[in-house]
C-alpha cells in the first residue's frame, strides 16, 4: 500500500490556515505532513524560532477520519534556511536549527550550493524553481549529496497559480531530474492556502463533469431532452397527470389552422 507524504506546508503567522491545509491532506489520504518555516539568518541566530507543529490544532473530523481509516498520521516540524552568504553556514549546526525534525537549505549561489551538498548536515536542498537557476547543476556535488542521503525538492504549487511560472518550474524540475537521474527527489506542495489548490482538484473537476453532462444532454445548455424510457417512476407519474390536455392541444391545432385559412380567403 502506497504511503503519501507532503513535507512542505507553509506555516505563517496564521496557524489556523496551516491547520486547514493539514485537514485537507488528511481528507485526501496523506499519512504525514511537515509544517515548514522559512527563515533568513542574519549575524545572530534568531532565538524565537521554535517548532510550531504542536501548536496546530487538528479538527475533530480529521481525528475521526484517521481513526476510521486505521492509518497512522504524523506531523513533523521543518525549517528552510535561505543561504545568501558563507557567514550563515555555521549557524546551520546550531541547536536552534537542529531541533527541527527536517532541516532544509535554499542556496542562492553555486558556491553555497556546493557547500550544502558536500559539507552541511541537512536533509533537503531546495531551490527557487520560480526563477531561472543562477548556476548550472553539476553532477559531482549532486552525486555526493545523494550518497550522504540528502534529497532535492520540487514544489508544484507555483504551477497551479500561473502559466508562466508553470513553464519555469517544469524547466527547472527537468534540470534537477537530469542531474540526479531521478534519485533522492521529493515532490512537495509548498501550499500556503488551500483555496486554489483545492479548487483545482475538487470544484474545478466537478465543474468539468457537469459541463460534459450539460453538453451531451442539452441543446445549447438550455433545453434538456430525455426519452420517456429513461425517466424515473416519479417523473412518469407527473406526465400521466396531464394526458388529456396535451392530446386536446394536438387535436385543436389543425382546426385552428383551417379557421385561419378561411379568414385569409375571405379577406
C-alpha atoms as a PDB file:
ATOM      1  CA  UNK A   1       0.000   0.000   0.000  1.00  0.00           C
ATOM      2  CA  UNK A   2       1.366   3.411  -1.022  1.00  0.00           C
ATOM      3  CA  UNK A   3       2.011   5.949   1.745  1.00  0.00           C
ATOM      4  CA  UNK A   4       1.716   9.621   0.828  1.00  0.00           C
ATOM      5  CA  UNK A   5       3.669  12.487   2.386  1.00  0.00           C
ATOM      6  CA  UNK A   6       3.753  16.252   1.941  1.00  0.00           C
ATOM      7  CA  UNK A   7       6.907  17.581   3.552  1.00  0.00           C
ATOM      8  CA  UNK A   8       6.322  21.278   2.904  1.00  0.00           C
ATOM      9  CA  UNK A   9       3.240  23.056   4.226  1.00  0.00           C
ATOM     10  CA  UNK A  10       3.916  26.728   4.768  1.00  0.00           C
ATOM     11  CA  UNK A  11       3.454  27.880   8.332  1.00  0.00           C
ATOM     12  CA  UNK A  12       2.963  31.621   8.662  1.00  0.00           C
ATOM     13  CA  UNK A  13       1.565  33.678  11.482  1.00  0.00           C
ATOM     14  CA  UNK A  14      -1.910  32.221  10.936  1.00  0.00           C
ATOM     15  CA  UNK A  15      -1.803  28.713  12.368  1.00  0.00           C
ATOM     16  CA  UNK A  16      -5.480  28.193  11.500  1.00  0.00           C
ATOM     17  CA  UNK A  17      -4.558  28.363   7.815  1.00  0.00           C
ATOM     18  CA  UNK A  18      -1.927  25.677   8.279  1.00  0.00           C
ATOM     19  CA  UNK A  19      -4.494  23.582  10.159  1.00  0.00           C
ATOM     20  CA  UNK A  20      -6.901  23.826   7.209  1.00  0.00           C
ATOM     21  CA  UNK A  21      -4.185  22.637   4.823  1.00  0.00           C
ATOM     22  CA  UNK A  22      -3.432  19.753   7.159  1.00  0.00           C
ATOM     23  CA  UNK A  23      -7.115  18.794   7.354  1.00  0.00           C
ATOM     24  CA  UNK A  24      -7.314  18.773   3.549  1.00  0.00           C
ATOM     25  CA  UNK A  25      -4.271  16.483   3.255  1.00  0.00           C
ATOM     26  CA  UNK A  26      -5.746  14.120   5.835  1.00  0.00           C
ATOM     27  CA  UNK A  27      -9.009  14.100   3.908  1.00  0.00           C
ATOM     28  CA  UNK A  28      -7.335  13.076   0.638  1.00  0.00           C
ATOM     29  CA  UNK A  29      -5.360  10.288   2.316  1.00  0.00           C
ATOM     30  CA  UNK A  30      -1.907  11.608   3.268  1.00  0.00           C
ATOM     31  CA  UNK A  31      -0.070   9.823   6.067  1.00  0.00           C
ATOM     32  CA  UNK A  32       2.353  12.547   7.163  1.00  0.00           C
ATOM     33  CA  UNK A  33       2.996  16.254   6.659  1.00  0.00           C
ATOM     34  CA  UNK A  34       5.796  18.641   7.555  1.00  0.00           C
ATOM     35  CA  UNK A  35       4.952  22.162   8.658  1.00  0.00           C
ATOM     36  CA  UNK A  36       7.634  24.429   7.223  1.00  0.00           C
ATOM     37  CA  UNK A  37       9.059  27.733   8.433  1.00  0.00           C
ATOM     38  CA  UNK A  38      11.170  29.827   6.038  1.00  0.00           C
ATOM     39  CA  UNK A  39      13.853  31.900   7.744  1.00  0.00           C
ATOM     40  CA  UNK A  40      16.773  34.101   6.756  1.00  0.00           C
ATOM     41  CA  UNK A  41      19.738  34.015   9.113  1.00  0.00           C
ATOM     42  CA  UNK A  42      21.399  37.313   9.971  1.00  0.00           C
ATOM     43  CA  UNK A  43      24.564  37.836  12.004  1.00  0.00           C
ATOM     44  CA  UNK A  44      22.788  36.499  15.067  1.00  0.00           C
ATOM     45  CA  UNK A  45      20.717  33.345  15.249  1.00  0.00           C
ATOM     46  CA  UNK A  46      17.058  34.231  15.849  1.00  0.00           C
ATOM     47  CA  UNK A  47      16.192  32.782  19.242  1.00  0.00           C
ATOM     48  CA  UNK A  48      12.441  32.964  18.710  1.00  0.00           C
ATOM     49  CA  UNK A  49      12.426  30.177  16.129  1.00  0.00           C
ATOM     50  CA  UNK A  50      10.518  27.234  17.539  1.00  0.00           C
ATOM     51  CA  UNK A  51       8.668  24.260  16.079  1.00  0.00           C
ATOM     52  CA  UNK A  52       5.022  25.136  15.584  1.00  0.00           C
ATOM     53  CA  UNK A  53       3.557  21.737  14.765  1.00  0.00           C
ATOM     54  CA  UNK A  54       2.474  21.149  18.343  1.00  0.00           C
ATOM     55  CA  UNK A  55       0.505  24.420  18.279  1.00  0.00           C
ATOM     56  CA  UNK A  56      -1.625  23.449  15.279  1.00  0.00           C
ATOM     57  CA  UNK A  57      -4.982  22.092  16.344  1.00  0.00           C
ATOM     58  CA  UNK A  58      -6.329  19.294  14.177  1.00  0.00           C
ATOM     59  CA  UNK A  59     -10.070  19.337  13.625  1.00  0.00           C
ATOM     60  CA  UNK A  60     -12.274  16.712  15.257  1.00  0.00           C
ATOM     61  CA  UNK A  61     -13.428  15.433  11.860  1.00  0.00           C
ATOM     62  CA  UNK A  62      -9.812  14.798  10.840  1.00  0.00           C
ATOM     63  CA  UNK A  63      -9.163  12.873  14.053  1.00  0.00           C
ATOM     64  CA  UNK A  64     -12.238  10.740  13.460  1.00  0.00           C
ATOM     65  CA  UNK A  65     -11.208  10.113   9.856  1.00  0.00           C
ATOM     66  CA  UNK A  66      -7.744   8.942  10.920  1.00  0.00           C
ATOM     67  CA  UNK A  67      -9.250   6.567  13.473  1.00  0.00           C
ATOM     68  CA  UNK A  68     -11.782   5.235  10.968  1.00  0.00           C
ATOM     69  CA  UNK A  69      -9.132   4.600   8.308  1.00  0.00           C
ATOM     70  CA  UNK A  70      -6.832   2.851  10.775  1.00  0.00           C
ATOM     71  CA  UNK A  71      -3.732   4.619   9.444  1.00  0.00           C
ATOM     72  CA  UNK A  72      -1.047   6.426  11.393  1.00  0.00           C
ATOM     73  CA  UNK A  73      -0.678  10.147  10.826  1.00  0.00           C
ATOM     74  CA  UNK A  74       2.483  12.064  11.692  1.00  0.00           C
ATOM     75  CA  UNK A  75       3.189  15.790  11.744  1.00  0.00           C
ATOM     76  CA  UNK A  76       6.803  16.958  11.513  1.00  0.00           C
ATOM     77  CA  UNK A  77       8.449  20.334  12.027  1.00  0.00           C
ATOM     78  CA  UNK A  78      10.615  21.644   9.208  1.00  0.00           C
ATOM     79  CA  UNK A  79      12.778  24.722   8.786  1.00  0.00           C
ATOM     80  CA  UNK A  80      14.130  26.049   5.487  1.00  0.00           C
ATOM     81  CA  UNK A  81      17.112  28.386   5.752  1.00  0.00           C
ATOM     82  CA  UNK A  82      17.832  30.817   2.921  1.00  0.00           C
ATOM     83  CA  UNK A  83      21.617  30.838   2.357  1.00  0.00           C
ATOM     84  CA  UNK A  84      22.880  34.106   0.900  1.00  0.00           C
ATOM     85  CA  UNK A  85      26.447  34.211   2.233  1.00  0.00           C
ATOM     86  CA  UNK A  86      29.098  31.866   3.592  1.00  0.00           C
ATOM     87  CA  UNK A  87      28.872  33.509   7.024  1.00  0.00           C
ATOM     88  CA  UNK A  88      25.461  31.912   7.545  1.00  0.00           C
ATOM     89  CA  UNK A  89      26.658  28.333   7.114  1.00  0.00           C
ATOM     90  CA  UNK A  90      27.958  27.772  10.655  1.00  0.00           C
ATOM     91  CA  UNK A  91      24.500  28.689  12.018  1.00  0.00           C
ATOM     92  CA  UNK A  92      23.043  25.568  10.395  1.00  0.00           C
ATOM     93  CA  UNK A  93      24.661  23.363  13.045  1.00  0.00           C
ATOM     94  CA  UNK A  94      23.293  25.370  15.964  1.00  0.00           C
ATOM     95  CA  UNK A  95      20.824  23.775  18.373  1.00  0.00           C
ATOM     96  CA  UNK A  96      18.185  26.325  17.361  1.00  0.00           C
ATOM     97  CA  UNK A  97      18.141  24.895  13.825  1.00  0.00           C
ATOM     98  CA  UNK A  98      18.897  21.261  14.579  1.00  0.00           C
ATOM     99  CA  UNK A  99      15.907  20.951  16.925  1.00  0.00           C
ATOM    100  CA  UNK A 100      13.612  20.662  13.890  1.00  0.00           C
ATOM    101  CA  UNK A 101      12.690  17.245  12.528  1.00  0.00           C
ATOM    102  CA  UNK A 102      13.657  18.246   8.968  1.00  0.00           C
ATOM    103  CA  UNK A 103      16.322  20.822   8.113  1.00  0.00           C
ATOM    104  CA  UNK A 104      16.381  22.252   4.591  1.00  0.00           C
ATOM    105  CA  UNK A 105      18.544  24.899   2.970  1.00  0.00           C
ATOM    106  CA  UNK A 106      17.991  27.069  -0.098  1.00  0.00           C
ATOM    107  CA  UNK A 107      21.348  28.168  -1.529  1.00  0.00           C
ATOM    108  CA  UNK A 108      21.382  31.169  -3.851  1.00  0.00           C
ATOM    109  CA  UNK A 109      24.842  30.795  -5.425  1.00  0.00           C
ATOM    110  CA  UNK A 110      26.811  27.954  -6.953  1.00  0.00           C
ATOM    111  CA  UNK A 111      29.434  28.088  -4.182  1.00  0.00           C
ATOM    112  CA  UNK A 112      26.799  27.807  -1.457  1.00  0.00           C
ATOM    113  CA  UNK A 113      25.110  25.006  -3.383  1.00  0.00           C
ATOM    114  CA  UNK A 114      28.367  23.026  -3.487  1.00  0.00           C
ATOM    115  CA  UNK A 115      28.953  23.600   0.217  1.00  0.00           C
ATOM    116  CA  UNK A 116      25.411  22.460   1.003  1.00  0.00           C
ATOM    117  CA  UNK A 117      25.956  19.273  -0.989  1.00  0.00           C
ATOM    118  CA  UNK A 118      29.377  18.442   0.422  1.00  0.00           C
ATOM    119  CA  UNK A 119      29.717  19.905   3.909  1.00  0.00           C
ATOM    120  CA  UNK A 120      26.355  20.623   5.529  1.00  0.00           C
ATOM    121  CA  UNK A 121      24.377  18.164   7.643  1.00  0.00           C
ATOM    122  CA  UNK A 122      20.933  18.827   6.217  1.00  0.00           C
ATOM    123  CA  UNK A 123      18.063  16.715   4.989  1.00  0.00           C
ATOM    124  CA  UNK A 124      16.759  18.650   1.976  1.00  0.00           C
ATOM    125  CA  UNK A 125      18.219  21.065  -0.571  1.00  0.00           C
ATOM    126  CA  UNK A 126      15.557  23.331  -2.007  1.00  0.00           C
ATOM    127  CA  UNK A 127      15.981  25.711  -4.935  1.00  0.00           C
ATOM    128  CA  UNK A 128      13.840  28.629  -6.057  1.00  0.00           C
ATOM    129  CA  UNK A 129      12.230  26.986  -9.089  1.00  0.00           C
ATOM    130  CA  UNK A 130      10.086  30.038  -9.888  1.00  0.00           C
ATOM    131  CA  UNK A 131      13.144  31.854 -11.271  1.00  0.00           C
ATOM    132  CA  UNK A 132      15.858  30.821 -13.665  1.00  0.00           C
ATOM    133  CA  UNK A 133      18.539  28.949 -11.762  1.00  0.00           C
ATOM    134  CA  UNK A 134      21.545  31.266 -11.268  1.00  0.00           C
ATOM    135  CA  UNK A 135      24.011  28.421 -11.795  1.00  0.00           C
ATOM    136  CA  UNK A 136      24.356  25.161 -13.683  1.00  0.00           C
ATOM    137  CA  UNK A 137      23.734  21.987 -11.698  1.00  0.00           C
ATOM    138  CA  UNK A 138      26.835  19.831 -11.876  1.00  0.00           C
ATOM    139  CA  UNK A 139      26.978  16.112 -11.274  1.00  0.00           C
ATOM    140  CA  UNK A 140      29.884  15.733  -8.728  1.00  0.00           C
ATOM    141  CA  UNK A 141      28.380  17.772  -5.845  1.00  0.00           C
ATOM    142  CA  UNK A 142      24.891  16.400  -6.517  1.00  0.00           C
ATOM    143  CA  UNK A 143      26.216  12.833  -6.528  1.00  0.00           C
ATOM    144  CA  UNK A 144      27.993  13.421  -3.237  1.00  0.00           C
ATOM    145  CA  UNK A 145      24.800  14.832  -1.710  1.00  0.00           C
ATOM    146  CA  UNK A 146      22.868  11.757  -2.864  1.00  0.00           C
ATOM    147  CA  UNK A 147      25.464   9.478  -1.262  1.00  0.00           C
ATOM    148  CA  UNK A 148      25.026  11.397   2.009  1.00  0.00           C
ATOM    149  CA  UNK A 149      21.255  10.874   1.861  1.00  0.00           C
ATOM    150  CA  UNK A 150      20.338  14.475   1.067  1.00  0.00           C
ATOM    151  CA  UNK A 151      17.208  14.926  -1.046  1.00  0.00           C
ATOM    152  CA  UNK A 152      16.328  17.571  -3.614  1.00  0.00           C
ATOM    153  CA  UNK A 153      12.910  19.222  -3.516  1.00  0.00           C
ATOM    154  CA  UNK A 154      10.469  20.071  -6.311  1.00  0.00           C
ATOM    155  CA  UNK A 155       7.442  22.120  -5.193  1.00  0.00           C
ATOM    156  CA  UNK A 156       4.448  22.091  -7.522  1.00  0.00           C
ATOM    157  CA  UNK A 157       2.164  24.802  -6.100  1.00  0.00           C
ATOM    158  CA  UNK A 158       3.564  27.559  -8.399  1.00  0.00           C
ATOM    159  CA  UNK A 159       2.496  25.503 -11.426  1.00  0.00           C
ATOM    160  CA  UNK A 160      -1.141  25.859 -10.319  1.00  0.00           C
ATOM    161  CA  UNK A 161      -1.074  29.603  -9.798  1.00  0.00           C
ATOM    162  CA  UNK A 162       0.400  30.893 -13.069  1.00  0.00           C
ATOM    163  CA  UNK A 163       1.125  29.543 -16.564  1.00  0.00           C
ATOM    164  CA  UNK A 164       4.386  31.478 -16.821  1.00  0.00           C
ATOM    165  CA  UNK A 165       5.599  30.070 -13.527  1.00  0.00           C
ATOM    166  CA  UNK A 166       4.488  26.628 -14.684  1.00  0.00           C
ATOM    167  CA  UNK A 167       6.906  26.661 -17.624  1.00  0.00           C
ATOM    168  CA  UNK A 168       9.775  27.905 -15.477  1.00  0.00           C
ATOM    169  CA  UNK A 169       9.173  25.377 -12.678  1.00  0.00           C
ATOM    170  CA  UNK A 170       8.908  22.465 -15.110  1.00  0.00           C
ATOM    171  CA  UNK A 171      12.107  23.505 -16.880  1.00  0.00           C
ATOM    172  CA  UNK A 172      13.994  23.699 -13.571  1.00  0.00           C
ATOM    173  CA  UNK A 173      12.471  20.407 -12.417  1.00  0.00           C
ATOM    174  CA  UNK A 174      13.790  18.764 -15.592  1.00  0.00           C
ATOM    175  CA  UNK A 175      17.277  20.044 -14.739  1.00  0.00           C
ATOM    176  CA  UNK A 176      17.033  18.544 -11.250  1.00  0.00           C
ATOM    177  CA  UNK A 177      15.835  15.161 -12.511  1.00  0.00           C
ATOM    178  CA  UNK A 178      18.529  15.233 -15.200  1.00  0.00           C
ATOM    179  CA  UNK A 179      21.422  15.721 -12.824  1.00  0.00           C
ATOM    180  CA  UNK A 180      20.020  13.446 -10.099  1.00  0.00           C
ATOM    181  CA  UNK A 181      18.777  10.818 -12.589  1.00  0.00           C
ATOM    182  CA  UNK A 182      15.588  10.713 -10.535  1.00  0.00           C
ATOM    183  CA  UNK A 183      17.343   9.688  -7.321  1.00  0.00           C
ATOM    184  CA  UNK A 184      16.611  11.400  -3.992  1.00  0.00           C
ATOM    185  CA  UNK A 185      13.932  13.710  -5.422  1.00  0.00           C
ATOM    186  CA  UNK A 186      10.870  14.598  -3.370  1.00  0.00           C
ATOM    187  CA  UNK A 187       7.682  16.322  -4.583  1.00  0.00           C
ATOM    188  CA  UNK A 188       6.052  18.756  -2.169  1.00  0.00           C
ATOM    189  CA  UNK A 189       3.193  21.224  -2.405  1.00  0.00           C
ATOM    190  CA  UNK A 190       4.631  24.262  -0.585  1.00  0.00           C
ATOM    191  CA  UNK A 191       0.982  25.119  -0.011  1.00  0.00           C
ATOM    192  CA  UNK A 192       0.260  28.395   1.735  1.00  0.00           C
ATOM    193  CA  UNK A 193      -3.538  28.183   1.445  1.00  0.00           C
ATOM    194  CA  UNK A 194      -5.877  25.514   0.258  1.00  0.00           C
ATOM    195  CA  UNK A 195      -8.265  27.626  -1.849  1.00  0.00           C
ATOM    196  CA  UNK A 196      -6.786  27.492  -5.357  1.00  0.00           C
ATOM    197  CA  UNK A 197      -5.227  24.063  -4.928  1.00  0.00           C
ATOM    198  CA  UNK A 198      -8.452  22.642  -3.520  1.00  0.00           C
ATOM    199  CA  UNK A 199     -10.496  24.065  -6.385  1.00  0.00           C
ATOM    200  CA  UNK A 200      -8.113  22.596  -8.944  1.00  0.00           C
ATOM    201  CA  UNK A 201      -8.639  19.042  -7.646  1.00  0.00           C
ATOM    202  CA  UNK A 202     -12.208  19.342  -6.369  1.00  0.00           C
ATOM    203  CA  UNK A 203     -14.568  22.072  -7.534  1.00  0.00           C
ATOM    204  CA  UNK A 204     -13.000  22.612 -10.962  1.00  0.00           C
ATOM    205  CA  UNK A 205     -13.082  18.883 -11.731  1.00  0.00           C
ATOM    206  CA  UNK A 206     -16.725  18.721 -10.669  1.00  0.00           C
ATOM    207  CA  UNK A 207     -17.484  21.662 -12.970  1.00  0.00           C
ATOM    208  CA  UNK A 208     -15.881  19.832 -15.891  1.00  0.00           C
ATOM    209  CA  UNK A 209     -18.019  16.745 -15.266  1.00  0.00           C
ATOM    210  CA  UNK A 210     -21.211  18.815 -15.021  1.00  0.00           C
ATOM    211  CA  UNK A 211     -20.273  20.749 -18.139  1.00  0.00           C
ATOM    212  CA  UNK A 212     -19.831  17.474 -20.039  1.00  0.00           C
ATOM    213  CA  UNK A 213     -23.249  16.261 -18.881  1.00  0.00           C
ATOM    214  CA  UNK A 214     -24.852  19.542 -19.966  1.00  0.00           C
ATOM    215  CA  UNK A 215     -23.097  19.402 -23.342  1.00  0.00           C
ATOM    216  CA  UNK A 216     -24.313  15.879 -24.079  1.00  0.00           C
ATOM    217  CA  UNK A 217     -27.888  16.135 -22.780  1.00  0.00           C
ATOM    218  CA  UNK A 218     -28.978  19.679 -23.547  1.00  0.00           C
ATOM    219  CA  UNK A 219     -29.408  21.992 -26.519  1.00  0.00           C
ATOM    220  CA  UNK A 220     -27.069  24.957 -26.068  1.00  0.00           C
ATOM    221  CA  UNK A 221     -27.065  24.138 -22.328  1.00  0.00           C
ATOM    222  CA  UNK A 222     -30.653  25.465 -22.036  1.00  0.00           C
ATOM    223  CA  UNK A 223     -33.158  22.786 -23.125  1.00  0.00           C
ATOM    224  CA  UNK A 224     -32.805  19.231 -21.918  1.00  0.00           C
ATOM    225  CA  UNK A 225     -34.361  16.348 -23.886  1.00  0.00           C
ATOM    226  CA  UNK A 226     -34.857  12.884 -22.432  1.00  0.00           C
ATOM    227  CA  UNK A 227     -36.534   9.803 -23.888  1.00  0.00           C
ATOM    228  CA  UNK A 228     -39.575   8.647 -21.912  1.00  0.00           C
ATOM    229  CA  UNK A 229     -37.949   5.265 -21.284  1.00  0.00           C
ATOM    230  CA  UNK A 230     -35.135   6.946 -19.318  1.00  0.00           C
ATOM    231  CA  UNK A 231     -37.496   8.803 -16.965  1.00  0.00           C
ATOM    232  CA  UNK A 232     -37.866   7.722 -13.367  1.00  0.00           C
ATOM    233  CA  UNK A 233     -41.153   6.463 -11.998  1.00  0.00           C
ATOM    234  CA  UNK A 234     -41.808   9.772 -10.254  1.00  0.00           C
ATOM    235  CA  UNK A 235     -41.230  11.732 -13.466  1.00  0.00           C
ATOM    236  CA  UNK A 236     -43.573   9.428 -15.392  1.00  0.00           C
ATOM    237  CA  UNK A 237     -46.330   9.978 -12.810  1.00  0.00           C
ATOM    238  CA  UNK A 238     -46.022  13.718 -13.346  1.00  0.00           C
ATOM    239  CA  UNK A 239     -46.536  13.236 -17.094  1.00  0.00           C
ATOM    240  CA  UNK A 240     -49.561  10.965 -16.557  1.00  0.00           C
ATOM    241  CA  UNK A 241     -51.401  13.767 -14.771  1.00  0.00           C
ATOM    242  CA  UNK A 242     -51.873  15.786 -17.981  1.00  0.00           C
ATOM    243  CA  UNK A 243     -52.594  13.341 -20.832  1.00  0.00           C
ATOM    244  CA  UNK A 244     -55.886  14.957 -21.935  1.00  0.00           C
ATOM    245  CA  UNK A 245     -54.540  18.491 -22.073  1.00  0.00           C
ATOM    246  CA  UNK A 246     -51.654  17.543 -24.322  1.00  0.00           C
ATOM    247  CA  UNK A 247     -53.915  15.498 -26.651  1.00  0.00           C
ATOM    248  CA  UNK A 248     -56.508  18.292 -26.797  1.00  0.00           C
ATOM    249  CA  UNK A 249     -53.820  20.749 -27.789  1.00  0.00           C
ATOM    250  CA  UNK A 250     -52.647  18.450 -30.574  1.00  0.00           C
ATOM    251  CA  UNK A 251     -56.233  17.928 -31.828  1.00  0.00           C
ATOM    252  CA  UNK A 252     -57.175  21.581 -31.664  1.00  0.00           C
ATOM    253  CA  UNK A 253     -54.250  22.833 -33.596  1.00  0.00           C
ATOM    254  CA  UNK A 254     -55.424  21.592 -37.089  1.00  0.00           C
ATOM    255  CA  UNK A 255     -58.909  23.140 -36.571  1.00  0.00           C
ATOM    256  CA  UNK A 256     -57.396  26.445 -35.675  1.00  0.00           C
ATOM    257  CA  UNK A 257     -55.230  26.303 -38.766  1.00  0.00           C
ATOM    258  CA  UNK A 258     -58.304  25.697 -41.017  1.00  0.00           C
ATOM    259  CA  UNK A 259     -60.113  28.670 -39.498  1.00  0.00           C
ATOM    260  CA  UNK A 260     -57.132  30.881 -40.168  1.00  0.00           C
ATOM    261  CA  UNK A 261     -57.042  29.784 -43.788  1.00  0.00           C
ATOM    262  CA  UNK A 262     -60.769  30.573 -44.302  1.00  0.00           C
ATOM    263  CA  UNK A 263     -60.310  34.039 -42.841  1.00  0.00           C
ATOM    264  CA  UNK A 264     -57.458  34.763 -45.218  1.00  0.00           C
ATOM    265  CA  UNK A 265     -59.552  33.674 -48.246  1.00  0.00           C
ATOM    266  CA  UNK A 266     -62.498  35.911 -47.321  1.00  0.00           C
ATOM    267  CA  UNK A 267     -60.163  38.881 -46.998  1.00  0.00           C
END
